[in-house]
Amino acid sequence: MKCVFAVILGLLGLPGAALAQTPVAVVEDVQGKVTGAEFMDYVAPGQVIKLGAGGKVVLGYMKSCARETIAGIGTIIVGKEQSAVHLADYQVDKVACDVGQAEKIGREVSESAATVVRSLKEERPAPLVLYGTSPVVMTGERGKLVVERLDAKGERHEVELTASSLTRGRFYDFAKANTALQPGGTYAATLKSKRVVFQIDAKAGPGAGPVIGRLVSLR
């Protein structure tokens, strides 16, 4: 196993081995001494994360819906659907997530904001499905975020996005504001010219569940 891990690390030293990759996972939690990733970072295949004393990382893979908890001194190599882990303790669970979100976010992060002008209909015929009632909205803009229910009248949420309200300058978590949408509801999230339609799964629960099951991208 050590030899295999050494070969992988050697390959990562080759030019371009970890470059030009699209994001595959979200760093949902970081504790202790961790280098190579921060809370709510996107990570790409080939990226190396090192855990020191008291180190712990939770990675949510957007395509495989694998949620990994990795703790203890060791090294992590991000894969396409799961990580390669050396020495550190490794646990993985499958969580509910919309696998179609992986392609959309990967494309958006890879392209410049100026070129991302496709409509929702062109990108994704069916609405995104969230498996938690409190979305995590990812955006690079500031301004008034409006989330309005489409299949029933009367529910509308308005949030003024500022530097202080966004985690890492990009993420707004409705769970931190104790705001929950209705299971089974269909909603539109709008920020300036950006708009995304999504559904809340009928069995979705409240609170700060796995990020990959609650993520909405407005880039």
C-alpha atoms as a PDB file:
ATOM      1  CA  MET A   1       0.000   0.000   0.000  1.00  0.00           C
ATOM      2  CA  LYS A   2       2.871   2.351   0.867  1.00  0.00           C
ATOM      3  CA  CYS A   3       4.510   1.650  -2.506  1.00  0.00           C
ATOM      4  CA  VAL A   4       1.283   2.374  -4.364  1.00  0.00           C
ATOM      5  CA  PHE A   5       0.843   5.627  -2.436  1.00  0.00           C
ATOM      6  CA  ALA A   6       4.436   6.639  -3.214  1.00  0.00           C
ATOM      7  CA  VAL A   7       3.853   6.040  -6.925  1.00  0.00           C
ATOM      8  CA  ILE A   8       0.745   8.248  -6.804  1.00  0.00           C
ATOM      9  CA  LEU A   9       2.695  11.029  -5.110  1.00  0.00           C
ATOM     10  CA  GLY A  10       5.433  10.666  -7.709  1.00  0.00           C
ATOM     11  CA  LEU A  11       2.959  11.025 -10.550  1.00  0.00           C
ATOM     12  CA  LEU A  12       1.604  14.191  -8.959  1.00  0.00           C
ATOM     13  CA  GLY A  13       5.049  15.703  -9.385  1.00  0.00           C
ATOM     14  CA  LEU A  14       4.738  15.480 -13.162  1.00  0.00           C
ATOM     15  CA  PRO A  15       3.925  18.777 -14.949  1.00  0.00           C
ATOM     16  CA  GLY A  16       0.196  19.302 -15.248  1.00  0.00           C
ATOM     17  CA  ALA A  17      -0.738  16.224 -13.212  1.00  0.00           C
ATOM     18  CA  ALA A  18      -2.911  18.225 -10.830  1.00  0.00           C
ATOM     19  CA  LEU A  19      -3.559  21.195 -13.066  1.00  0.00           C
ATOM     20  CA  ALA A  20      -6.493  22.096 -15.307  1.00  0.00           C
ATOM     21  CA  GLN A  21      -8.830  19.941 -13.236  1.00  0.00           C
ATOM     22  CA  THR A  22     -12.413  20.838 -12.429  1.00  0.00           C
ATOM     23  CA  PRO A  23     -13.662  20.673  -8.824  1.00  0.00           C
ATOM     24  CA  VAL A  24     -15.030  17.348  -7.627  1.00  0.00           C
ATOM     25  CA  ALA A  25     -15.580  17.898  -3.901  1.00  0.00           C
ATOM     26  CA  VAL A  26     -16.358  20.502  -1.266  1.00  0.00           C
ATOM     27  CA  VAL A  27     -14.429  20.820   1.994  1.00  0.00           C
ATOM     28  CA  GLU A  28     -17.336  20.696   4.447  1.00  0.00           C
ATOM     29  CA  ASP A  29     -15.302  20.897   7.655  1.00  0.00           C
ATOM     30  CA  VAL A  30     -11.724  21.522   8.784  1.00  0.00           C
ATOM     31  CA  GLN A  31     -10.319  21.096  12.285  1.00  0.00           C
ATOM     32  CA  GLY A  32      -6.834  21.173  13.748  1.00  0.00           C
ATOM     33  CA  LYS A  33      -3.699  21.459  11.650  1.00  0.00           C
ATOM     34  CA  VAL A  34      -4.541  21.096   7.945  1.00  0.00           C
ATOM     35  CA  THR A  35      -2.576  22.299   4.931  1.00  0.00           C
ATOM     36  CA  GLY A  36      -3.714  22.239   1.315  1.00  0.00           C
ATOM     37  CA  ALA A  37      -7.404  22.952   1.924  1.00  0.00           C
ATOM     38  CA  GLU A  38      -9.625  25.328   3.850  1.00  0.00           C
ATOM     39  CA  PHE A  39     -13.245  25.283   4.959  1.00  0.00           C
ATOM     40  CA  MET A  40     -15.657  25.498   1.986  1.00  0.00           C
ATOM     41  CA  ASP A  41     -12.900  25.179  -0.607  1.00  0.00           C
ATOM     42  CA  TYR A  42     -13.541  23.310  -3.824  1.00  0.00           C
ATOM     43  CA  VAL A  43     -10.883  20.654  -4.431  1.00  0.00           C
ATOM     44  CA  ALA A  44      -9.828  18.933  -7.648  1.00  0.00           C
ATOM     45  CA  PRO A  45      -8.354  15.519  -8.513  1.00  0.00           C
ATOM     46  CA  GLY A  46      -4.681  15.277  -7.639  1.00  0.00           C
ATOM     47  CA  GLN A  47      -4.833  17.904  -4.921  1.00  0.00           C
ATOM     48  CA  VAL A  48      -2.837  16.933  -1.826  1.00  0.00           C
ATOM     49  CA  ILE A  49      -4.097  17.699   1.680  1.00  0.00           C
ATOM     50  CA  LYS A  50      -1.891  17.076   4.713  1.00  0.00           C
ATOM     51  CA  LEU A  51      -3.213  16.552   8.229  1.00  0.00           C
ATOM     52  CA  GLY A  52      -1.112  17.397  11.276  1.00  0.00           C
ATOM     53  CA  ALA A  53      -1.794  17.167  14.997  1.00  0.00           C
ATOM     54  CA  GLY A  54      -5.528  17.147  15.666  1.00  0.00           C
ATOM     55  CA  GLY A  55      -6.223  17.406  11.951  1.00  0.00           C
ATOM     56  CA  LYS A  56      -9.614  16.522  10.538  1.00  0.00           C
ATOM     57  CA  VAL A  57     -11.235  17.117   7.143  1.00  0.00           C
ATOM     58  CA  VAL A  58     -14.707  16.317   5.834  1.00  0.00           C
ATOM     59  CA  LEU A  59     -14.947  16.081   2.035  1.00  0.00           C
ATOM     60  CA  GLY A  60     -18.214  15.895   0.102  1.00  0.00           C
ATOM     61  CA  TYR A  61     -17.815  14.439  -3.390  1.00  0.00           C
ATOM     62  CA  MET A  62     -20.419  15.939  -5.719  1.00  0.00           C
ATOM     63  CA  LYS A  63     -20.549  13.138  -8.291  1.00  0.00           C
ATOM     64  CA  SER A  64     -20.433  10.053  -6.099  1.00  0.00           C
ATOM     65  CA  CYS A  65     -22.285  11.633  -3.123  1.00  0.00           C
ATOM     66  CA  ALA A  66     -19.562  10.195  -0.880  1.00  0.00           C
ATOM     67  CA  ARG A  67     -19.005  12.145   2.346  1.00  0.00           C
ATOM     68  CA  GLU A  68     -15.600  11.342   3.800  1.00  0.00           C
ATOM     69  CA  THR A  69     -14.391  12.048   7.337  1.00  0.00           C
ATOM     70  CA  ILE A  70     -10.593  11.837   7.532  1.00  0.00           C
ATOM     71  CA  ALA A  71      -8.800  12.413  10.841  1.00  0.00           C
ATOM     72  CA  GLY A  72      -5.359  12.009  12.356  1.00  0.00           C
ATOM     73  CA  ILE A  73      -1.884  12.689  11.044  1.00  0.00           C
ATOM     74  CA  GLY A  74      -1.654  11.641   7.406  1.00  0.00           C
ATOM     75  CA  THR A  75      -1.983  12.584   3.744  1.00  0.00           C
ATOM     76  CA  ILE A  76      -4.991  12.787   1.438  1.00  0.00           C
ATOM     77  CA  ILE A  77      -4.969  12.749  -2.357  1.00  0.00           C
ATOM     78  CA  VAL A  78      -8.227  13.949  -3.869  1.00  0.00           C
ATOM     79  CA  GLY A  79      -9.644  11.581  -6.492  1.00  0.00           C
ATOM     80  CA  LYS A  80     -12.533  11.869  -8.926  1.00  0.00           C
ATOM     81  CA  GLU A  81     -15.112  10.157  -6.726  1.00  0.00           C
ATOM     82  CA  GLN A  82     -13.202   9.354  -3.530  1.00  0.00           C
ATOM     83  CA  SER A  83      -9.891  10.054  -1.831  1.00  0.00           C
ATOM     84  CA  ALA A  84      -6.697   8.048  -1.421  1.00  0.00           C
ATOM     85  CA  VAL A  85      -5.673   8.268   2.240  1.00  0.00           C
ATOM     86  CA  HIS A  86      -2.336   7.394   3.841  1.00  0.00           C
ATOM     87  CA  LEU A  87      -2.044   6.787   7.611  1.00  0.00           C
ATOM     88  CA  ALA A  88      -5.024   8.920   8.697  1.00  0.00           C
ATOM     89  CA  ASP A  89      -8.297   7.333   9.834  1.00  0.00           C
ATOM     90  CA  TYR A  90     -10.880   7.164   7.066  1.00  0.00           C
ATOM     91  CA  GLN A  91     -14.668   6.881   7.206  1.00  0.00           C
ATOM     92  CA  VAL A  92     -17.107   7.307   4.319  1.00  0.00           C
ATOM     93  CA  ASP A  93     -20.883   7.537   4.081  1.00  0.00           C
ATOM     94  CA  LYS A  94     -23.178   7.841   1.087  1.00  0.00           C
ATOM     95  CA  VAL A  95     -25.473  10.848   1.415  1.00  0.00           C
ATOM     96  CA  ALA A  96     -28.338  12.152  -0.708  1.00  0.00           C
ATOM     97  CA  CYS A  97     -27.216  14.635  -3.366  1.00  0.00           C
ATOM     98  CA  ASP A  98     -28.058  15.627  -6.949  1.00  0.00           C
ATOM     99  CA  VAL A  99     -25.192  14.271  -9.065  1.00  0.00           C
ATOM    100  CA  GLY A 100     -26.082  16.637 -11.910  1.00  0.00           C
ATOM    101  CA  GLN A 101     -24.792  19.510  -9.803  1.00  0.00           C
ATOM    102  CA  ALA A 102     -21.200  18.286 -10.154  1.00  0.00           C
ATOM    103  CA  GLU A 103     -21.021  18.981 -13.890  1.00  0.00           C
ATOM    104  CA  LYS A 104     -22.693  22.374 -13.558  1.00  0.00           C
ATOM    105  CA  ILE A 105     -20.402  23.620 -10.779  1.00  0.00           C
ATOM    106  CA  GLY A 106     -17.317  22.211 -12.468  1.00  0.00           C
ATOM    107  CA  ARG A 107     -18.140  24.070 -15.662  1.00  0.00           C
ATOM    108  CA  GLU A 108     -18.907  27.324 -13.877  1.00  0.00           C
ATOM    109  CA  VAL A 109     -15.732  27.312 -11.810  1.00  0.00           C
ATOM    110  CA  SER A 110     -13.618  26.475 -14.850  1.00  0.00           C
ATOM    111  CA  GLU A 111     -15.020  29.269 -17.015  1.00  0.00           C
ATOM    112  CA  SER A 112     -14.768  32.985 -16.430  1.00  0.00           C
ATOM    113  CA  ALA A 113     -17.853  34.686 -15.075  1.00  0.00           C
ATOM    114  CA  ALA A 114     -18.130  36.680 -18.298  1.00  0.00           C
ATOM    115  CA  THR A 115     -18.719  33.561 -20.374  1.00  0.00           C
ATOM    116  CA  VAL A 116     -21.286  31.924 -18.094  1.00  0.00           C
ATOM    117  CA  VAL A 117     -24.425  33.290 -19.735  1.00  0.00           C
ATOM    118  CA  ARG A 118     -26.395  30.135 -20.507  1.00  0.00           C
ATOM    119  CA  SER A 119     -29.966  29.947 -19.315  1.00  0.00           C
ATOM    120  CA  LEU A 120     -31.148  27.357 -16.819  1.00  0.00           C
ATOM    121  CA  LYS A 121     -33.172  25.653 -19.559  1.00  0.00           C
ATOM    122  CA  GLU A 122     -30.054  25.214 -21.707  1.00  0.00           C
ATOM    123  CA  GLU A 123     -27.934  23.916 -18.839  1.00  0.00           C
ATOM    124  CA  ARG A 124     -30.347  21.647 -17.059  1.00  0.00           C
ATOM    125  CA  PRO A 125     -33.858  20.621 -18.217  1.00  0.00           C
ATOM    126  CA  ALA A 126     -34.909  19.390 -14.760  1.00  0.00           C
ATOM    127  CA  PRO A 127     -34.644  21.491 -11.589  1.00  0.00           C
ATOM    128  CA  LEU A 128     -31.884  20.799  -9.126  1.00  0.00           C
ATOM    129  CA  VAL A 129     -33.011  18.697  -6.160  1.00  0.00           C
ATOM    130  CA  LEU A 130     -31.884  19.595  -2.634  1.00  0.00           C
ATOM    131  CA  TYR A 131     -31.934  17.104   0.216  1.00  0.00           C
ATOM    132  CA  GLY A 132     -31.935  19.657   3.020  1.00  0.00           C
ATOM    133  CA  THR A 133     -34.464  22.419   3.651  1.00  0.00           C
ATOM    134  CA  SER A 134     -31.808  25.110   4.245  1.00  0.00           C
ATOM    135  CA  PRO A 135     -29.836  25.758   1.040  1.00  0.00           C
ATOM    136  CA  VAL A 136     -26.182  26.755   0.846  1.00  0.00           C
ATOM    137  CA  VAL A 137     -25.981  29.347  -1.951  1.00  0.00           C
ATOM    138  CA  MET A 138     -22.646  29.778  -3.714  1.00  0.00           C
ATOM    139  CA  THR A 139     -22.120  33.065  -5.562  1.00  0.00           C
ATOM    140  CA  GLY A 140     -19.375  35.505  -6.448  1.00  0.00           C
ATOM    141  CA  GLU A 141     -21.663  38.539  -6.278  1.00  0.00           C
ATOM    142  CA  ARG A 142     -23.146  40.846  -3.646  1.00  0.00           C
ATOM    143  CA  GLY A 143     -26.659  42.246  -3.558  1.00  0.00           C
ATOM    144  CA  LYS A 144     -30.190  41.101  -2.759  1.00  0.00           C
ATOM    145  CA  LEU A 145     -30.750  37.366  -2.953  1.00  0.00           C
ATOM    146  CA  VAL A 146     -34.418  36.462  -3.405  1.00  0.00           C
ATOM    147  CA  VAL A 147     -35.715  32.937  -2.876  1.00  0.00           C
ATOM    148  CA  GLU A 148     -39.380  32.582  -3.800  1.00  0.00           C
ATOM    149  CA  ARG A 149     -41.659  29.574  -3.922  1.00  0.00           C
ATOM    150  CA  LEU A 150     -43.086  28.840  -7.357  1.00  0.00           C
ATOM    151  CA  ASP A 151     -45.687  26.159  -6.675  1.00  0.00           C
ATOM    152  CA  ALA A 152     -47.484  27.985  -3.862  1.00  0.00           C
ATOM    153  CA  LYS A 153     -48.100  31.649  -3.089  1.00  0.00           C
ATOM    154  CA  GLY A 154     -46.912  33.624  -0.105  1.00  0.00           C
ATOM    155  CA  GLU A 155     -43.413  32.314   0.629  1.00  0.00           C
ATOM    156  CA  ARG A 156     -40.571  34.694  -0.180  1.00  0.00           C
ATOM    157  CA  HIS A 157     -37.173  35.191   1.447  1.00  0.00           C
ATOM    158  CA  GLU A 158     -34.905  38.189   0.846  1.00  0.00           C
ATOM    159  CA  VAL A 159     -31.287  38.338   2.003  1.00  0.00           C
ATOM    160  CA  GLU A 160     -28.806  41.156   1.483  1.00  0.00           C
ATOM    161  CA  LEU A 161     -25.526  39.458   0.660  1.00  0.00           C
ATOM    162  CA  THR A 162     -22.550  41.320   2.118  1.00  0.00           C
ATOM    163  CA  ALA A 163     -18.955  40.398   2.837  1.00  0.00           C
ATOM    164  CA  SER A 164     -19.814  39.714   6.478  1.00  0.00           C
ATOM    165  CA  SER A 165     -22.750  37.414   5.672  1.00  0.00           C
ATOM    166  CA  LEU A 166     -20.806  35.169   3.270  1.00  0.00           C
ATOM    167  CA  THR A 167     -18.501  32.348   4.347  1.00  0.00           C
ATOM    168  CA  ARG A 168     -15.169  32.552   2.513  1.00  0.00           C
ATOM    169  CA  GLY A 169     -16.718  35.409   0.536  1.00  0.00           C
ATOM    170  CA  ARG A 170     -18.763  32.971  -1.580  1.00  0.00           C
ATOM    171  CA  PHE A 171     -21.250  30.960   0.469  1.00  0.00           C
ATOM    172  CA  TYR A 172     -24.490  31.912   2.216  1.00  0.00           C
ATOM    173  CA  ASP A 173     -25.916  29.209   4.472  1.00  0.00           C
ATOM    174  CA  PHE A 174     -29.627  29.449   5.245  1.00  0.00           C
ATOM    175  CA  ALA A 175     -29.117  27.050   8.165  1.00  0.00           C
ATOM    176  CA  LYS A 176     -26.954  29.605   9.983  1.00  0.00           C
ATOM    177  CA  ALA A 177     -29.820  32.083   9.663  1.00  0.00           C
ATOM    178  CA  ASN A 178     -32.273  29.455  10.990  1.00  0.00           C
ATOM    179  CA  THR A 179     -34.241  29.664   7.738  1.00  0.00           C
ATOM    180  CA  ALA A 180     -35.838  26.538   6.300  1.00  0.00           C
ATOM    181  CA  LEU A 181     -37.840  26.030   3.118  1.00  0.00           C
ATOM    182  CA  GLN A 182     -40.723  23.605   2.749  1.00  0.00           C
ATOM    183  CA  PRO A 183     -40.111  19.934   1.871  1.00  0.00           C
ATOM    184  CA  GLY A 184     -41.579  19.168  -1.544  1.00  0.00           C
ATOM    185  CA  GLY A 185     -41.609  22.822  -2.606  1.00  0.00           C
ATOM    186  CA  THR A 186     -40.257  24.276  -5.854  1.00  0.00           C
ATOM    187  CA  TYR A 187     -38.297  27.518  -5.587  1.00  0.00           C
ATOM    188  CA  ALA A 188     -36.401  30.056  -7.660  1.00  0.00           C
ATOM    189  CA  ALA A 189     -33.263  31.722  -6.320  1.00  0.00           C
ATOM    190  CA  THR A 190     -32.481  35.044  -8.023  1.00  0.00           C
ATOM    191  CA  LEU A 191     -29.508  37.365  -7.648  1.00  0.00           C
ATOM    192  CA  LYS A 192     -29.265  40.191 -10.190  1.00  0.00           C
ATOM    193  CA  SER A 193     -29.284  38.459 -13.602  1.00  0.00           C
ATOM    194  CA  LYS A 194     -28.662  34.966 -12.214  1.00  0.00           C
ATOM    195  CA  ARG A 195     -31.584  32.599 -11.559  1.00  0.00           C
ATOM    196  CA  VAL A 196     -31.766  28.941 -10.575  1.00  0.00           C
ATOM    197  CA  VAL A 197     -34.864  26.813 -10.040  1.00  0.00           C
ATOM    198  CA  PHE A 198     -34.654  23.998  -7.510  1.00  0.00           C
ATOM    199  CA  GLN A 199     -36.847  21.571  -5.603  1.00  0.00           C
ATOM    200  CA  ILE A 200     -36.695  20.521  -1.985  1.00  0.00           C
ATOM    201  CA  ASP A 201     -36.987  16.759  -1.660  1.00  0.00           C
ATOM    202  CA  ALA A 202     -40.187  15.715   0.093  1.00  0.00           C
ATOM    203  CA  LYS A 203     -38.198  13.904   2.783  1.00  0.00           C
ATOM    204  CA  ALA A 204     -35.605  16.657   3.266  1.00  0.00           C
ATOM    205  CA  GLY A 205     -34.748  17.535   6.837  1.00  0.00           C
ATOM    206  CA  PRO A 206     -33.867  20.851   8.506  1.00  0.00           C
ATOM    207  CA  GLY A 207     -30.534  22.098   9.799  1.00  0.00           C
ATOM    208  CA  ALA A 208     -26.949  22.009   8.655  1.00  0.00           C
ATOM    209  CA  GLY A 209     -26.892  18.680   6.847  1.00  0.00           C
ATOM    210  CA  PRO A 210     -24.236  17.650   4.291  1.00  0.00           C
ATOM    211  CA  VAL A 211     -23.311  20.620   2.091  1.00  0.00           C
ATOM    212  CA  ILE A 212     -23.338  18.575  -1.118  1.00  0.00           C
ATOM    213  CA  GLY A 213     -27.029  17.867  -0.542  1.00  0.00           C
ATOM    214  CA  ARG A 214     -27.914  21.554  -0.045  1.00  0.00           C
ATOM    215  CA  LEU A 215     -25.675  23.369  -2.520  1.00  0.00           C
ATOM    216  CA  VAL A 216     -27.117  25.877  -5.031  1.00  0.00           C
ATOM    217  CA  SER A 217     -24.776  27.629  -7.440  1.00  0.00           C
ATOM    218  CA  LEU A 218     -25.532  31.187  -8.627  1.00  0.00           C
ATOM    219  CA  ARG A 219     -22.423  32.078 -10.617  1.00  0.00           C
END
